[in-house]
């Protein structure tokens, strides 16, 4: 990653540097180019080198954890769906998308009840969603999920509100096909 602003001659870059003992450290290199007065050519640079190895290691561990969690969710044999309090789909895992016949772009941002609730299950689901959002507690229920082709799949669901502060940010549904 390299940033250089010709007007201020300030630069910032990150790179690995090999140490005397053979190990490597990540360095954040920041500085400024000092130009000669007579011809404007670089004369010297002043700046700092900061050891950011620990920060880079933490970033890498977070990336590994994120990738692991995404793999668990997306490749699980269970259905996972995250829904905003207003009912819009935030995500569906690959297993659920495949079972319902949708692509992610066809459901994300859409109203879950409109997209996936079988007509005869709509009111039952609306009440369940209301319980999660208004009463802030989880639910467990079985209902038929509507596929893109109009067929339905019976699913056992467990819904749970997720709070990332004082307000509910979204809720998740974890289900499995009980055909």
Protein backbone atom coordinates (compact mmCIF):
# COMPACT_ATOMS: atom_id res chain seq x y z
CA UNK A 1 0.00 0.00 0.00
CA UNK A 2 1.65 3.22 -1.10
CA UNK A 3 0.40 6.81 -0.89
CA UNK A 4 2.34 9.73 -2.29
CA UNK A 5 1.13 13.30 -2.66
CA UNK A 6 3.37 15.20 -5.06
CA UNK A 7 2.16 18.61 -3.85
CA UNK A 8 3.19 18.09 -0.23
CA UNK A 9 5.83 15.44 -1.03
CA UNK A 10 4.43 13.37 1.86
CA UNK A 11 4.52 9.61 1.54
CA UNK A 12 3.19 6.66 3.50
CA UNK A 13 3.70 2.98 2.80
CA UNK A 14 3.64 -0.38 4.57
CA UNK A 15 6.07 -3.20 3.89
CA UNK A 16 7.89 -6.10 5.51
CA UNK A 17 11.48 -5.66 6.55
CA UNK A 18 13.88 -8.49 7.25
CA UNK A 19 15.61 -8.25 10.62
CA UNK A 20 19.18 -9.24 11.42
CA UNK A 21 17.98 -12.49 13.06
CA UNK A 22 16.14 -13.48 9.85
CA UNK A 23 12.65 -12.69 11.14
CA UNK A 24 10.39 -10.16 9.44
CA UNK A 25 8.59 -7.14 10.84
CA UNK A 26 5.85 -5.04 9.28
CA UNK A 27 6.86 -1.40 8.99
CA UNK A 28 4.72 1.72 8.51
CA UNK A 29 7.01 4.16 6.71
CA UNK A 30 5.91 7.81 6.67
CA UNK A 31 7.89 10.79 5.59
CA UNK A 32 8.45 13.78 3.43
CA UNK A 33 10.74 14.39 0.49
CA UNK A 34 12.91 17.50 0.82
CA UNK A 35 13.72 18.97 -2.58
CA UNK A 36 16.69 21.07 -3.56
CA UNK A 37 15.92 24.74 -3.96
CA UNK A 38 17.78 25.18 -7.24
CA UNK A 39 16.34 22.40 -9.40
CA UNK A 40 13.51 20.81 -7.35
CA UNK A 41 15.09 17.36 -7.39
CA UNK A 42 14.86 15.22 -4.25
CA UNK A 43 17.67 16.03 -1.84
CA UNK A 44 16.73 13.90 1.16
CA UNK A 45 13.81 12.36 2.99
CA UNK A 46 12.78 12.70 6.58
CA UNK A 47 10.27 10.51 8.34
CA UNK A 48 9.58 7.65 10.68
CA UNK A 49 9.46 3.88 10.61
CA UNK A 50 6.95 2.32 13.01
CA UNK A 51 6.82 -1.38 13.83
CA UNK A 52 3.23 -2.42 13.08
CA UNK A 53 3.89 -6.18 13.22
CA UNK A 54 1.51 -6.74 16.15
CA UNK A 55 -1.26 -4.77 14.40
CA UNK A 56 -0.76 -6.76 11.17
CA UNK A 57 -0.83 -10.04 13.11
CA UNK A 58 -4.10 -9.03 14.80
CA UNK A 59 -5.59 -8.01 11.44
CA UNK A 60 -4.59 -11.40 10.03
CA UNK A 61 -6.16 -13.27 12.97
CA UNK A 62 -9.39 -11.27 12.54
CA UNK A 63 -9.40 -12.06 8.82
CA UNK A 64 -8.91 -15.78 9.55
CA UNK A 65 -11.71 -15.72 12.14
CA UNK A 66 -14.04 -13.85 9.77
CA UNK A 67 -13.33 -16.29 6.94
CA UNK A 68 -13.88 -19.26 9.26
CA UNK A 69 -17.21 -17.87 10.49
CA UNK A 70 -18.37 -17.09 6.95
CA UNK A 71 -17.48 -20.63 5.89
CA UNK A 72 -19.43 -22.08 8.83
CA UNK A 73 -22.50 -20.05 7.96
CA UNK A 74 -22.44 -20.29 4.17
CA UNK A 75 -21.44 -23.95 3.89
CA UNK A 76 -23.54 -25.24 6.77
CA UNK A 77 -26.28 -27.78 5.96
CA UNK A 78 -28.64 -25.52 7.94
CA UNK A 79 -30.54 -22.52 6.56
CA UNK A 80 -29.26 -19.17 7.86
CA UNK A 81 -31.01 -15.88 7.23
CA UNK A 82 -30.39 -12.44 8.78
CA UNK A 83 -33.29 -10.00 8.68
CA UNK A 84 -33.52 -6.31 9.63
CA UNK A 85 -36.22 -5.31 12.13
CA UNK A 86 -38.27 -3.92 9.22
CA UNK A 87 -38.27 -7.34 7.52
CA UNK A 88 -35.62 -6.79 4.81
CA UNK A 89 -33.26 -9.67 4.14
CA UNK A 90 -29.64 -8.84 4.98
CA UNK A 91 -28.22 -12.22 3.94
CA UNK A 92 -29.11 -15.83 3.24
CA UNK A 93 -26.53 -18.55 3.26
CA UNK A 94 -25.72 -20.62 0.17
CA UNK A 95 -27.60 -23.65 1.48
CA UNK A 96 -30.85 -21.73 1.81
CA UNK A 97 -30.41 -19.88 -1.47
CA UNK A 98 -29.80 -23.15 -3.31
CA UNK A 99 -32.77 -24.89 -1.68
CA UNK A 100 -35.09 -21.99 -2.55
CA UNK A 101 -33.66 -21.49 -6.05
CA UNK A 102 -32.59 -17.87 -5.57
CA UNK A 103 -29.43 -15.89 -6.14
CA UNK A 104 -28.39 -13.58 -3.30
CA UNK A 105 -29.17 -10.45 -5.36
CA UNK A 106 -32.78 -11.60 -5.74
CA UNK A 107 -33.49 -11.62 -1.99
CA UNK A 108 -31.08 -9.23 -0.23
CA UNK A 109 -32.90 -5.98 0.53
CA UNK A 110 -36.29 -7.54 -0.21
CA UNK A 111 -39.02 -8.18 2.34
CA UNK A 112 -38.54 -11.72 3.67
CA UNK A 113 -42.24 -12.39 4.15
CA UNK A 114 -43.03 -11.35 0.58
CA UNK A 115 -40.17 -13.41 -0.84
CA UNK A 116 -40.26 -16.61 1.18
CA UNK A 117 -43.46 -17.00 3.20
CA UNK A 118 -45.98 -19.41 1.77
CA UNK A 119 -49.35 -17.63 1.49
CA UNK A 120 -50.98 -19.77 4.17
CA UNK A 121 -48.05 -19.11 6.55
CA UNK A 122 -47.86 -15.32 6.14
CA UNK A 123 -49.82 -14.38 9.27
CA UNK A 124 -48.04 -16.97 11.42
CA UNK A 125 -44.70 -15.54 10.34
CA UNK A 126 -45.77 -11.94 10.80
CA UNK A 127 -46.66 -12.76 14.43
CA UNK A 128 -43.32 -14.57 14.93
CA UNK A 129 -41.39 -11.60 13.52
CA UNK A 130 -43.38 -9.27 15.76
CA UNK A 131 -42.45 -11.39 18.78
CA UNK A 132 -38.77 -11.16 17.91
CA UNK A 133 -38.83 -7.41 17.17
CA UNK A 134 -41.38 -6.09 19.68
CA UNK A 135 -40.88 -8.47 22.59
CA UNK A 136 -37.16 -8.89 21.93
CA UNK A 137 -37.19 -12.61 22.42
CA UNK A 138 -36.50 -15.64 20.31
CA UNK A 139 -39.03 -17.98 18.76
CA UNK A 140 -39.17 -21.54 17.56
CA UNK A 141 -41.66 -22.61 14.94
CA UNK A 142 -42.22 -24.70 11.84
CA UNK A 143 -43.52 -23.22 8.61
CA UNK A 144 -43.41 -23.73 4.89
CA UNK A 145 -40.90 -21.64 2.99
CA UNK A 146 -41.83 -20.67 -0.58
CA UNK A 147 -39.26 -21.43 -3.26
CA UNK A 148 -38.71 -19.31 -6.33
CA UNK A 149 -40.61 -21.85 -8.47
CA UNK A 150 -43.65 -21.63 -6.15
CA UNK A 151 -43.13 -24.98 -4.40
CA UNK A 152 -42.70 -25.04 -0.62
CA UNK A 153 -40.34 -26.68 1.86
CA UNK A 154 -41.30 -27.41 5.49
CA UNK A 155 -38.66 -25.92 7.78
CA UNK A 156 -38.10 -25.98 11.56
CA UNK A 157 -36.90 -22.50 12.54
CA UNK A 158 -35.22 -20.92 15.53
CA UNK A 159 -35.23 -17.11 15.49
CA UNK A 160 -33.15 -14.89 17.74
CA UNK A 161 -32.75 -11.10 18.04
CA UNK A 162 -29.19 -9.72 17.81
CA UNK A 163 -28.28 -6.56 19.70
CA UNK A 164 -25.09 -4.63 18.95
CA UNK A 165 -25.96 -1.95 21.49
CA UNK A 166 -29.25 -0.87 23.05
CA UNK A 167 -31.34 -1.46 19.96
CA UNK A 168 -31.92 -4.62 18.01
CA UNK A 169 -29.82 -4.46 14.86
CA UNK A 170 -31.21 -7.58 13.17
CA UNK A 171 -32.45 -11.05 13.89
CA UNK A 172 -31.29 -14.37 12.63
CA UNK A 173 -33.21 -17.43 11.65
CA UNK A 174 -31.57 -20.84 11.69
CA UNK A 175 -33.60 -23.63 10.18
CA UNK A 176 -33.49 -27.10 8.73
CA UNK A 177 -35.56 -28.86 6.12
CA UNK A 178 -37.95 -31.28 7.87
CA UNK A 179 -39.27 -32.89 4.70
